[in-house]
Amino acid sequence: MAEEGLIELTSQDGTAFTAFQARPGEPNGRGVVILPDIRGVHAYYQELARRFAEAGFAAVVLDYYGRTAGLGPRDDEFEWQPHFKQLVPDSVAEDAAAAIAHLTEQNPGVTVFSVGFCLGGGHSWRLAGSGLELAGSIGFYGLPGLAEDRLPDISAPLLLLLAGDDVATTQEDFTAFRGKLDDAGKAYEYKIYDGAPHSFFDGGSPEWKDISADAWQRLLDFTARHAEPAA
């Protein structure tokens, strides 16, 4: 890995927010904007950015809470609830745009994807319809309702990696979301991991090691297929 650390970015509305970047030692021409769960720039997502960088990706994790909680990484003591309630989807998209701009400035020719988890999964799918010219948007057990207002504008393929025993979103909701994507003629792939709980990927349980490995491989394959050659 060539470089890593906390950075400060400025959103389109002038808000300063914290992000974490990890740059690869051997770039593969791809970059990811990581949209975390409710924890923001938590240590888990910093470690995930490192994992992406080790796989050749330029990675940036954005923090959602710059407007209400100020700068800084978030630890286990962070009280996210009042800040979560104030999140505005369009503001998240503006922060993502700043993260994308940083990635492309620091890594010329990179092809950028978004990948999110839980709350971030829904925001990741939404970004595909936010005019950010992403090559694809990936969501792990995301919240479909966050994406539906932008569904007609989706212009990038989606990858839906879903937990069969999700407690945050029902399988009926996921089925309805896929139906809406079908009706709108949008390109997407999906995988339901039967029996897996919400947050299986970051749970650290040996029980879900194999399906987490499968999800990671699907992410790698998806980004490889949809990447453009680096300039």
Protein backbone atom coordinates (compact mmCIF):
# COMPACT_ATOMS: atom_id res chain seq x y z
CA MET A 1 0.00 0.00 0.00
CA ALA A 2 1.44 3.34 -1.04
CA GLU A 3 -0.32 5.79 1.27
CA GLU A 4 -3.11 5.92 3.84
CA GLY A 5 -4.59 8.24 6.42
CA LEU A 6 -7.35 10.59 7.44
CA ILE A 7 -7.97 13.54 5.15
CA GLU A 8 -10.35 16.50 5.09
CA LEU A 9 -12.56 17.05 2.07
CA THR A 10 -14.96 19.85 1.22
CA SER A 11 -18.43 19.09 -0.10
CA GLN A 12 -20.15 20.99 -2.88
CA ASP A 13 -22.04 23.07 -0.32
CA GLY A 14 -18.84 24.08 1.47
CA THR A 15 -19.08 21.58 4.32
CA ALA A 16 -15.79 20.16 5.53
CA PHE A 17 -15.90 16.49 6.41
CA THR A 18 -13.48 13.76 7.37
CA ALA A 19 -12.58 10.90 5.07
CA PHE A 20 -10.02 8.11 5.10
CA GLN A 21 -7.99 7.27 2.04
CA ALA A 22 -5.88 4.26 1.17
CA ARG A 23 -3.87 4.28 -2.04
CA PRO A 24 -2.54 1.06 -3.60
CA GLY A 25 1.07 0.19 -4.18
CA GLU A 26 0.10 -1.63 -7.38
CA PRO A 27 -2.98 0.11 -8.85
CA ASN A 28 -5.52 -1.88 -10.82
CA GLY A 29 -7.08 1.22 -12.43
CA ARG A 30 -10.15 1.08 -10.20
CA GLY A 31 -11.28 3.22 -7.29
CA VAL A 32 -14.02 2.94 -4.69
CA VAL A 33 -15.95 5.42 -2.63
CA ILE A 34 -16.96 3.49 0.49
CA LEU A 35 -20.22 4.49 2.13
CA PRO A 36 -20.23 3.10 5.67
CA ASP A 37 -23.07 2.06 7.91
CA ILE A 38 -24.32 4.34 10.70
CA ARG A 39 -20.86 4.39 12.30
CA GLY A 40 -19.28 6.73 9.74
CA VAL A 41 -15.47 6.69 9.46
CA HIS A 42 -15.09 3.95 12.04
CA ALA A 43 -11.94 1.85 12.39
CA TYR A 44 -13.69 -1.06 10.66
CA TYR A 45 -14.14 0.96 7.47
CA GLN A 46 -10.59 2.26 7.62
CA GLU A 47 -9.43 -1.35 7.68
CA LEU A 48 -11.77 -2.16 4.78
CA ALA A 49 -10.22 0.67 2.76
CA ARG A 50 -6.83 -0.90 3.39
CA ARG A 51 -8.16 -4.22 2.14
CA PHE A 52 -9.32 -2.56 -1.06
CA ALA A 53 -5.92 -0.89 -1.49
CA GLU A 54 -4.16 -4.22 -1.02
CA ALA A 55 -6.34 -5.51 -3.90
CA GLY A 56 -5.22 -2.61 -6.10
CA PHE A 57 -8.06 -0.13 -5.56
CA ALA A 58 -7.72 3.52 -4.64
CA ALA A 59 -10.19 3.83 -1.78
CA VAL A 60 -11.87 6.66 0.11
CA VAL A 61 -14.29 6.21 3.02
CA LEU A 62 -16.51 9.22 3.60
CA ASP A 63 -18.03 10.32 6.88
CA TYR A 64 -21.68 11.39 6.85
CA TYR A 65 -21.72 13.67 9.84
CA GLY A 66 -19.61 16.71 9.01
CA ARG A 67 -22.63 19.01 8.95
CA THR A 68 -23.86 18.11 12.42
CA ALA A 69 -20.98 16.49 14.32
CA GLY A 70 -17.97 18.24 12.82
CA LEU A 71 -14.71 16.65 11.80
CA GLY A 72 -13.11 13.55 13.15
CA PRO A 73 -13.13 9.76 12.90
CA ARG A 74 -15.88 7.93 14.81
CA ASP A 75 -15.19 5.42 17.55
CA ASP A 76 -17.48 3.06 19.43
CA GLU A 77 -18.49 5.87 21.80
CA PHE A 78 -19.83 8.09 19.03
CA GLU A 79 -23.53 8.83 19.52
CA TRP A 80 -24.66 8.57 15.93
CA GLN A 81 -28.41 8.57 16.50
CA PRO A 82 -29.10 12.33 16.55
CA HIS A 83 -26.83 12.89 13.56
CA PHE A 84 -28.28 9.99 11.59
CA LYS A 85 -31.73 11.56 11.95
CA GLN A 86 -30.46 14.73 10.27
CA LEU A 87 -28.94 13.05 7.22
CA VAL A 88 -30.16 14.38 3.87
CA PRO A 89 -29.63 12.03 0.90
CA ASP A 90 -28.71 14.85 -1.49
CA SER A 91 -26.04 16.02 0.98
CA VAL A 92 -24.59 12.51 1.08
CA ALA A 93 -24.43 12.62 -2.72
CA GLU A 94 -22.61 15.96 -2.56
CA ASP A 95 -20.07 14.48 -0.13
CA ALA A 96 -19.66 11.48 -2.43
CA ALA A 97 -19.03 13.82 -5.35
CA ALA A 98 -16.18 15.40 -3.38
CA ALA A 99 -14.75 11.97 -2.61
CA ILE A 100 -14.97 10.99 -6.28
CA ALA A 101 -13.23 14.22 -7.29
CA HIS A 102 -10.45 13.50 -4.83
CA LEU A 103 -10.02 9.96 -6.14
CA THR A 104 -9.83 11.07 -9.76
CA GLU A 105 -7.45 13.94 -8.96
CA GLN A 106 -5.08 11.74 -6.99
CA ASN A 107 -5.36 8.76 -9.35
CA PRO A 108 -5.64 10.01 -12.95
CA GLY A 109 -7.56 7.68 -15.24
CA VAL A 110 -9.13 5.70 -12.40
CA THR A 111 -12.58 4.16 -12.94
CA VAL A 112 -14.69 4.81 -9.86
CA PHE A 113 -17.33 2.63 -8.20
CA SER A 114 -19.35 3.14 -5.06
CA VAL A 115 -19.79 0.44 -2.43
CA GLY A 116 -21.91 0.76 0.68
CA PHE A 117 -23.11 -1.20 3.66
CA CYS A 118 -26.56 -1.11 5.28
CA LEU A 119 -27.38 2.63 5.29
CA GLY A 120 -24.48 3.09 2.89
CA GLY A 121 -25.75 0.33 0.61
CA GLY A 122 -28.91 2.27 -0.13
CA HIS A 123 -26.94 5.46 -0.64
CA SER A 124 -24.55 3.61 -2.97
CA TRP A 125 -27.41 2.43 -5.18
CA ARG A 126 -28.83 5.97 -5.12
CA LEU A 127 -25.54 7.42 -6.34
CA ALA A 128 -25.96 5.48 -9.58
CA GLY A 129 -28.79 7.90 -10.35
CA SER A 130 -27.12 11.06 -9.08
CA GLY A 131 -25.20 12.08 -12.20
CA LEU A 132 -21.77 11.22 -10.80
CA GLU A 133 -20.64 9.07 -13.75
CA LEU A 134 -19.88 6.04 -11.64
CA ALA A 135 -18.98 2.82 -13.42
CA GLY A 136 -21.16 0.83 -11.01
CA SER A 137 -22.71 0.91 -7.56
CA ILE A 138 -22.55 -1.93 -5.06
CA GLY A 139 -24.64 -2.35 -1.94
CA PHE A 140 -24.42 -4.90 0.84
CA TYR A 141 -27.82 -5.43 2.52
CA GLY A 142 -28.78 -1.84 1.66
CA LEU A 143 -31.97 0.09 2.25
CA PRO A 144 -33.85 0.21 -1.09
CA GLY A 145 -36.02 3.12 -0.02
CA LEU A 146 -33.02 5.42 -0.13
CA ALA A 147 -32.57 4.78 -3.86
CA GLU A 148 -36.10 4.76 -5.16
CA ASP A 149 -36.46 8.51 -5.74
CA ARG A 150 -33.48 8.31 -8.14
CA LEU A 151 -34.43 5.03 -9.76
CA PRO A 152 -35.48 6.58 -13.13
CA ASP A 153 -32.08 8.28 -13.36
CA ILE A 154 -29.91 5.25 -12.62
CA SER A 155 -27.24 5.11 -15.33
CA ALA A 156 -24.76 2.62 -13.89
CA PRO A 157 -25.13 -1.11 -13.21
CA LEU A 158 -25.95 -2.17 -9.67
CA LEU A 159 -24.76 -5.10 -7.59
CA LEU A 160 -27.08 -6.15 -4.76
CA LEU A 161 -25.50 -8.43 -2.15
CA LEU A 162 -28.33 -9.37 0.19
CA ALA A 163 -28.75 -11.18 3.48
CA GLY A 164 -31.42 -13.86 3.46
CA ASP A 165 -32.27 -13.24 7.13
CA ASP A 166 -31.98 -9.45 7.01
CA VAL A 167 -33.81 -7.79 9.89
CA ALA A 168 -33.46 -4.24 8.54
CA THR A 169 -35.15 -4.88 5.18
CA THR A 170 -37.57 -7.68 4.34
CA GLN A 171 -37.10 -10.00 1.41
CA GLU A 172 -40.42 -8.67 0.10
CA ASP A 173 -38.92 -5.18 0.02
CA PHE A 174 -35.85 -6.42 -1.85
CA THR A 175 -38.07 -8.30 -4.30
CA ALA A 176 -40.16 -5.19 -4.87
CA PHE A 177 -37.01 -3.14 -5.48
CA ARG A 178 -35.75 -5.61 -8.06
CA GLY A 179 -39.16 -5.50 -9.72
CA LYS A 180 -38.94 -1.73 -10.00
CA LEU A 181 -35.47 -2.01 -11.50
CA ASP A 182 -36.81 -4.54 -14.01
CA ASP A 183 -39.74 -2.30 -14.91
CA ALA A 184 -37.36 0.61 -15.47
CA GLY A 185 -35.02 -1.49 -17.58
CA LYS A 186 -32.04 -0.97 -15.28
CA ALA A 187 -29.01 -3.26 -15.29
CA TYR A 188 -28.32 -5.06 -12.05
CA GLU A 189 -27.02 -8.28 -10.55
CA TYR A 190 -27.97 -9.73 -7.21
CA LYS A 191 -27.14 -12.51 -4.83
CA ILE A 192 -29.18 -13.54 -1.80
CA TYR A 193 -27.19 -15.37 0.87
CA ASP A 194 -29.78 -17.68 2.39
CA GLY A 195 -29.70 -17.74 6.17
CA ALA A 196 -27.17 -14.94 6.46
CA PRO A 197 -27.91 -12.11 8.88
CA HIS A 198 -27.76 -8.39 8.28
CA SER A 199 -24.13 -7.19 8.40
CA PHE A 200 -22.78 -10.67 7.72
CA PHE A 201 -19.78 -9.19 5.90
CA ASP A 202 -18.44 -7.24 8.88
CA GLY A 203 -19.63 -9.51 11.67
CA GLY A 204 -16.33 -11.32 11.99
CA SER A 205 -18.10 -14.61 12.60
CA PRO A 206 -16.40 -17.76 11.22
CA GLU A 207 -19.89 -18.98 10.36
CA TRP A 208 -20.15 -16.41 7.58
CA LYS A 209 -16.56 -16.58 6.37
CA ASP A 210 -17.35 -18.47 3.18
CA ILE A 211 -20.25 -16.28 2.07
CA SER A 212 -18.26 -13.14 2.89
CA ALA A 213 -15.47 -14.47 0.67
CA ASP A 214 -18.01 -15.14 -2.08
CA ALA A 215 -19.42 -11.61 -1.78
CA TRP A 216 -15.91 -10.13 -1.96
CA GLN A 217 -15.15 -12.14 -5.08
CA ARG A 218 -18.41 -11.03 -6.70
CA LEU A 219 -17.46 -7.43 -5.97
CA LEU A 220 -14.03 -7.93 -7.54
CA ASP A 221 -15.53 -9.60 -10.61
CA PHE A 222 -18.23 -6.94 -11.00
CA THR A 223 -15.74 -4.06 -10.87
CA ALA A 224 -13.37 -5.84 -13.25
CA ARG A 225 -16.14 -6.35 -15.82
CA HIS A 226 -17.37 -2.78 -15.67
CA ALA A 227 -14.01 -0.99 -15.40
CA GLU A 228 -12.68 1.06 -18.24
CA PRO A 229 -9.01 0.92 -19.20
CA ALA A 230 -7.01 3.46 -17.23
CA ALA A 231 -5.82 6.43 -19.23
